[in-house]
Every structure is written in C-alpha cells, then in structure tokens.
Protein backbone atom coordinates (compact mmCIF):
# COMPACT_ATOMS: atom_id res chain seq x y z
CA UNK A 1 -16.15 21.12 -0.89
CA UNK A 2 -16.93 18.57 -3.76
CA UNK A 3 -14.52 15.83 -3.47
CA UNK A 4 -13.48 14.04 -6.63
CA UNK A 5 -10.92 11.38 -5.37
CA UNK A 6 -10.97 9.25 -2.39
CA UNK A 7 -7.58 7.43 -1.49
CA UNK A 8 -7.66 4.46 0.68
CA UNK A 9 -4.98 2.44 2.53
CA UNK A 10 -5.98 -1.24 2.61
CA UNK A 11 -4.82 -3.23 5.59
CA UNK A 12 -6.25 -1.54 8.84
CA UNK A 13 -8.19 0.76 6.88
CA UNK A 14 -10.42 -0.42 3.97
CA UNK A 15 -10.35 -4.07 5.28
CA UNK A 16 -11.35 -5.29 8.60
CA UNK A 17 -9.37 -7.69 10.89
CA UNK A 18 -10.41 -10.58 8.84
CA UNK A 19 -8.82 -8.71 5.79
CA UNK A 20 -12.33 -8.44 4.17
CA UNK A 21 -14.31 -5.28 2.99
CA UNK A 22 -17.60 -5.15 4.95
CA UNK A 23 -20.73 -4.93 3.25
CA UNK A 24 -21.40 -1.20 4.27
CA UNK A 25 -17.93 -0.06 3.15
CA UNK A 26 -18.53 -1.89 -0.12
CA UNK A 27 -21.86 -0.32 -0.87
CA UNK A 28 -20.92 3.00 0.13
CA UNK A 29 -17.74 3.07 -2.14
CA UNK A 30 -19.56 1.65 -4.92
CA UNK A 31 -22.51 4.40 -4.58
CA UNK A 32 -19.87 7.17 -4.53
CA UNK A 33 -18.22 5.89 -7.71
CA UNK A 34 -21.73 5.85 -9.29
CA UNK A 35 -21.82 9.58 -8.58
CA UNK A 36 -18.54 10.27 -10.32
CA UNK A 37 -15.95 9.98 -7.37
CA UNK A 38 -12.94 7.91 -8.16
CA UNK A 39 -11.09 5.68 -5.98
CA UNK A 40 -7.47 5.15 -5.35
CA UNK A 41 -6.22 1.92 -3.37
CA UNK A 42 -2.86 3.02 -2.10
CA UNK A 43 -0.94 0.13 -0.33
CA UNK A 44 2.37 -1.22 0.12
CA UNK A 45 1.16 -4.53 -1.35
CA UNK A 46 2.23 -5.68 -4.74
CA UNK A 47 -0.20 -4.93 -7.40
CA UNK A 48 -1.45 -8.56 -7.66
CA UNK A 49 -2.56 -8.14 -3.99
CA UNK A 50 -4.64 -5.34 -4.57
CA UNK A 51 -6.39 -6.51 -7.72
CA UNK A 52 -9.14 -8.75 -6.05
CA UNK A 53 -10.16 -5.64 -3.71
CA UNK A 54 -10.17 -3.14 -6.72
CA UNK A 55 -12.45 -5.81 -8.84
CA UNK A 56 -14.59 -6.29 -5.64
CA UNK A 57 -15.21 -2.47 -5.68
CA UNK A 58 -15.89 -2.60 -9.49
CA UNK A 59 -12.94 0.05 -9.96
CA UNK A 60 -12.51 -1.39 -13.42
CA UNK A 61 -15.80 -0.08 -14.32
CA UNK A 62 -15.59 3.30 -12.76
CA UNK A 63 -12.03 4.20 -13.65
CA UNK A 64 -10.21 3.91 -10.27
CA UNK A 65 -6.63 3.49 -9.70
CA UNK A 66 -4.27 1.12 -8.11
CA UNK A 67 -1.22 2.80 -6.36
CA UNK A 68 0.94 -0.16 -5.25
CA UNK A 69 4.27 -0.86 -3.64
CA UNK A 70 3.61 2.42 -1.54
CA UNK A 71 3.41 4.38 -4.67
CA UNK A 72 5.99 2.54 -6.81
CA UNK A 73 3.37 1.81 -9.45
CA UNK A 74 0.19 3.72 -10.49
CA UNK A 75 -2.16 1.82 -12.68
CA UNK A 76 -5.43 2.95 -14.22
CA UNK A 77 -7.69 -0.14 -13.48
CA UNK A 78 -10.07 0.72 -16.07
CA UNK A 79 -7.59 0.90 -19.00
CA UNK A 80 -4.93 -1.15 -17.17
CA UNK A 81 -2.40 1.55 -18.34
CA UNK A 82 0.80 1.80 -16.19
CA UNK A 83 0.83 5.51 -15.55
CA UNK A 84 3.94 5.62 -13.35
CA UNK A 85 6.70 3.04 -12.25
CA UNK A 86 9.69 3.22 -10.03
CA UNK A 87 12.15 0.30 -9.37
CA UNK A 88 14.99 -0.56 -7.04
CA UNK A 89 18.42 -0.15 -8.48
CA UNK A 90 19.84 -3.45 -9.61
CA UNK A 91 23.03 -3.04 -7.67
CA UNK A 92 21.31 -2.74 -4.35
CA UNK A 93 19.71 -6.29 -4.54
CA UNK A 94 22.91 -8.22 -3.53
CA UNK A 95 23.30 -5.92 -0.55
CA UNK A 96 19.87 -6.47 0.73
CA UNK A 97 20.30 -10.16 0.21
CA UNK A 98 23.62 -10.47 2.07
CA UNK A 99 22.38 -8.29 4.85
CA UNK A 100 19.34 -10.49 5.23
CA UNK A 101 21.49 -13.69 5.16
CA UNK A 102 23.90 -12.38 7.72
CA UNK A 103 21.16 -11.75 10.23
CA UNK A 104 19.46 -15.05 9.42
CA UNK A 105 16.31 -13.41 8.35
CA UNK A 106 14.22 -14.13 5.04
CA UNK A 107 14.03 -11.77 2.15
CA UNK A 108 11.53 -11.91 -0.60
CA UNK A 109 10.40 -10.08 -3.59
CA UNK A 110 7.55 -10.38 -6.25
CA UNK A 111 7.38 -11.90 -9.60
CA UNK A 112 3.79 -11.57 -11.36
CA UNK A 113 1.42 -13.71 -9.10
CA UNK A 114 4.22 -15.26 -7.04
CA UNK A 115 6.33 -14.52 -4.07
CA UNK A 116 9.91 -15.44 -4.51
CA UNK A 117 12.06 -16.42 -1.63
CA UNK A 118 14.59 -19.04 -0.43
CA UNK A 119 12.65 -19.60 2.81
CA UNK A 120 8.94 -20.42 1.77
CA UNK A 121 8.15 -21.94 5.27
CA UNK A 122 9.02 -18.77 7.08
CA UNK A 123 5.88 -17.88 9.03
CA UNK A 124 6.23 -14.06 8.07
CA UNK A 125 6.84 -15.09 4.31
CA UNK A 126 3.62 -17.10 4.81
CA UNK A 127 1.82 -14.04 6.24
CA UNK A 128 2.81 -12.00 3.20
CA UNK A 129 1.47 -14.81 0.94
CA UNK A 130 -1.73 -15.01 2.91
CA UNK A 131 -2.32 -11.32 2.87
CA UNK A 132 -1.84 -10.89 -0.77
CA UNK A 133 -3.44 -14.21 -1.84
CA UNK A 134 -0.10 -15.03 -3.73
CA UNK A 135 1.65 -18.50 -4.28
CA UNK A 136 5.13 -18.68 -2.90
CA UNK A 137 8.04 -19.93 -5.29
CA UNK A 138 10.93 -21.10 -3.35
CA UNK A 139 14.37 -21.03 -4.85
CA UNK A 140 17.92 -22.06 -4.08
CA UNK A 141 19.45 -18.88 -5.40
CA UNK A 142 17.37 -15.76 -4.79
CA UNK A 143 19.87 -13.42 -6.62
CA UNK A 144 19.62 -15.77 -10.01
CA UNK A 145 15.98 -16.60 -9.90
CA UNK A 146 14.33 -13.08 -9.53
CA UNK A 147 13.60 -11.07 -12.55
CA UNK A 148 15.23 -7.78 -12.45
CA UNK A 149 14.31 -4.91 -11.93
CA UNK A 150 12.01 -5.37 -8.97
CA UNK A 151 9.73 -2.75 -7.32
CA UNK A 152 10.20 -3.82 -3.70
CA UNK A 153 12.06 -6.45 -1.43
CA UNK A 154 10.79 -7.28 2.01
CA UNK A 155 13.00 -8.47 4.83
CA UNK A 156 10.90 -10.25 7.46
CA UNK A 157 11.46 -11.48 11.01
CA UNK A 158 10.75 -10.80 14.54
CA UNK A 159 10.75 -7.07 15.47
CA UNK A 160 13.68 -7.12 17.79
CA UNK A 161 15.67 -8.87 14.93
CA UNK A 162 14.89 -6.29 12.28
CA UNK A 163 16.02 -3.23 14.50
CA UNK A 164 19.83 -3.59 13.61
CA UNK A 165 19.09 -4.45 9.94
CA UNK A 166 16.85 -1.34 9.49
CA UNK A 167 19.86 0.71 10.99
CA UNK A 168 22.44 -0.84 8.90
CA UNK A 169 20.59 -0.33 5.60
CA UNK A 170 19.50 3.01 6.28
CA UNK A 171 23.22 4.05 6.71
CA UNK A 172 24.78 1.93 3.95
CA UNK A 173 22.03 2.74 1.32
CA UNK A 174 21.20 6.30 2.22
CA UNK A 175 20.18 8.21 -0.86
CA UNK A 176 19.69 5.12 -2.84
CA UNK A 177 16.55 3.39 -1.38
CA UNK A 178 13.95 3.94 1.38
CA UNK A 179 13.83 1.61 4.37
CA UNK A 180 10.85 1.56 6.65
CA UNK A 181 8.61 -0.92 8.52
CA UNK A 182 5.05 -1.31 7.44
CA UNK A 183 4.59 -3.70 10.30
CA UNK A 184 6.98 -4.54 13.24
CA UNK A 185 7.89 -7.70 11.31
CA UNK A 186 8.02 -6.24 7.74
CA UNK A 187 10.92 -4.14 6.63
CA UNK A 188 10.19 -2.53 3.39
CA UNK A 189 12.96 -1.84 0.85
CA UNK A 190 11.82 0.34 -1.90
CA UNK A 191 13.23 3.00 -4.37
CA UNK A 192 14.43 6.33 -3.11
CA UNK A 193 11.59 8.85 -3.02
CA UNK A 194 8.57 6.20 -3.01
CA UNK A 195 6.12 7.82 -0.96
CA UNK A 196 2.22 7.81 -1.23
CA UNK A 197 1.89 11.40 -1.47
CA UNK A 198 4.61 11.91 -3.89
CA UNK A 199 2.90 9.38 -6.12
CA UNK A 200 -0.47 11.06 -5.55
CA UNK A 201 1.12 14.33 -6.91
CA UNK A 202 1.87 12.45 -10.24
CA UNK A 203 -1.69 11.13 -10.13
CA UNK A 204 -3.39 14.57 -9.57
CA UNK A 205 -1.37 16.15 -12.45
CA UNK A 206 -2.56 13.33 -14.89
CA UNK A 207 -6.23 13.76 -13.78
CA UNK A 208 -6.52 17.45 -13.11
CA UNK A 209 -7.71 16.86 -9.51
CA UNK A 210 -6.58 19.27 -6.93
CA UNK A 211 -5.35 18.34 -3.41
CA UNK A 212 -8.26 20.19 -1.70
CA UNK A 213 -10.47 17.70 -3.89
CA UNK A 214 -8.92 14.61 -2.17
CA UNK A 215 -9.88 12.61 0.77
CA UNK A 216 -7.16 10.31 2.04
CA UNK A 217 -7.97 7.72 4.97
CA UNK A 218 -5.18 5.58 6.43
CA UNK A 219 -3.99 4.11 9.75
CA UNK A 220 -0.19 3.32 9.42
CA UNK A 221 3.21 5.28 9.33
CA UNK A 222 3.21 4.87 5.52
CA UNK A 223 -0.08 6.83 5.42
CA UNK A 224 1.21 9.71 7.04
CA UNK A 225 2.43 11.60 3.88
CA UNK A 226 -0.94 11.14 2.00
CA UNK A 227 -3.10 12.04 5.14
CA UNK A 228 -1.06 15.28 5.44
CA UNK A 229 -1.20 15.96 1.61
CA UNK A 230 -4.93 15.70 1.06
CA UNK A 231 -7.35 18.36 1.27
CA UNK A 232 -9.14 16.02 3.89
CA UNK A 233 -6.79 13.50 5.87
CA UNK A 234 -8.72 11.06 7.90
CA UNK A 235 -7.16 8.72 10.50
CA UNK A 236 -8.90 5.37 11.45
CA UNK A 237 -9.86 4.83 15.02
CA UNK A 238 -7.19 2.05 15.22
CA UNK A 239 -4.54 4.24 13.60
CA UNK A 240 -1.01 4.86 15.12
CA UNK A 241 -0.96 7.93 17.38
CA UNK A 242 1.15 9.94 14.96
CA UNK A 243 -1.20 9.37 12.19
CA UNK A 244 -4.03 10.47 14.26
CA UNK A 245 -2.27 13.58 15.41
CA UNK A 246 -1.47 14.43 11.69
CA UNK A 247 -5.03 13.94 10.44
CA UNK A 248 -7.91 16.54 10.06
CA UNK A 249 -10.12 14.16 11.87
CA UNK A 250 -10.38 10.71 13.24
CA UNK A 251 -13.09 8.07 12.24
CA UNK A 252 -14.14 4.56 13.62
CA UNK A 253 -11.94 1.60 13.43
CA UNK A 254 -11.65 -0.78 10.49
CA UNK A 255 -13.88 -3.07 12.41
CA UNK A 256 -16.53 -0.60 12.78
CA UNK A 257 -16.89 0.36 9.15
CA UNK A 258 -14.73 3.62 9.65
CA UNK A 259 -14.32 4.24 6.00
CA UNK A 260 -18.00 4.25 5.22
CA UNK A 261 -18.65 6.39 8.33
CA UNK A 262 -16.03 8.91 6.96
CA UNK A 263 -17.17 9.12 3.50
CA UNK A 264 -20.88 9.51 4.41
CA UNK A 265 -19.77 12.48 6.51
CA UNK A 266 -18.11 14.30 3.79
CA UNK A 267 -19.78 13.09 0.45
CA UNK A 268 -23.70 13.46 0.18
CA UNK A 269 -24.84 9.98 -1.12
CA UNK A 270 -27.61 10.18 -3.61
CA UNK A 271 -30.48 7.74 -3.20
CA UNK A 272 -29.82 4.35 -4.70
CA UNK A 273 -31.56 3.72 -7.95
C-alpha cells in the first residue's frame, strides 16, 4: 500500500517526555514529505499550540494540515486556509463556567496566542500554558472577557475533583457538547460531534485521499477513533491499553522514536539527496 497521509497525535506520540520532537522523528517526517506524503498534526491543543511543531517539520513548505481542538479546526498550513471549523454553542458557556465555580475548579479558553482564565496561578492552568507555549491572561470576569464563539473550554483540577463535574456535564449537556478527559486533570469541553476521525473524513473528502491510504499514530483515548478509522492504525508503546487493543500494531514509545520506527516500517524512504 502506498500511503499518502500520516496523521500524528502530539503529546505522548510525536513529542517525547520533554515535549520535543527528537532528531530521528524530525528527519524521518521531513524525508517522507519530500517524497510527497503529507502530514496531519491532530491534537486537542489549540491551533497556536501546534504551530511551532508544524513549522519545525516544515509543513508550510510541503502542504501539511493542522487538525486542532481534537478536530474542531482544520487548517491547510501551506495556504493558511481554514478548511473546517466547529465551535461551542454560546449558550453553554455560562453553564460550564458555573459548574466549574461551584466545584471550586478553574475554567479556561483560548483567544489567539493567549489562554483566558480567572485563575492564572492554578498549577493546571500553568501546565496547559507551558504545553502550548501560550501566555495566560487573567480576567476578573470570564464570561465578559472571552471572545465568542470559542472552539473549546477546559476545566482543570485534580482527577478525583473532575469526576462529579464530568458526570454532571455529560447529563446536563447531552446532545449539545462532547465532554471527555484528555488527561486525568484536563476535562475537555468541545462541540458535539468533534472527533479526530470525523474531521479526518472532511479532510479526506477535500484531498481525495482514501482511508486505506492513511496511517494514524496515537497514544490516548482521543486517538481511538482515528486509529480505528485509518487504513493503518498504530498505537505507541506508551499508549493506553484500549488504544493498543484497537490498533493494527504497536510501535515503540514516544521516548524511543516510536513514530520514526513505525513510519520506516511502512513507508520506503528514498536515499537523502
């Protein structure tokens, strides 16, 4: 099979435990792009948090795609064209805010290069800011200061604190938004139907690529759908067990160049120029 598209989760997949792309992964990914294979960086991160990695991989030169907010946005990184966008209904934002406040948790969203929150010193807010290399803008009035519509909100806190919040919001907003954990301490609040595989369907229709021509590599629960969807779904060695069970095969971990190992197995690399 000649693969035309490689879809990569970021944290725990493309990047190592230091949140960096290793030299081997970088070289391999640039070489397959030189051979005409296109990359898709698919992450729950906001677009701004993906851009540095896309540029490091020279996706602006080779026509790669950014699939941010777990599929809420698709951007052609060569032309900067927004190919697809889905946002939260404005009316759910006050519900999310009050639920967070009632449970003494922090809520945040994104505005360009900034994270907006009322609790800038919350350690989990700081973790999200560090992960995405974004500044934090503190506000005294979250509901007034954010710019609607928003693609995603995040409620953050200790894992056990988020359990009742997740249950409550799943019930109260059923059919209106999707609620899930990307990490034990991150509760993702995204538009209904947002899913990496569903967004890939949109991208494949636009590019004329078939599912069978796609390799998808990931490690987390939010990667399950795209791993099942792709012609070749690959789980990282550090992936969650359900992800490993759903995958066609398992590669090495993100600290062992697992992405490069998987790609070199399935895509013949030509000799460097």
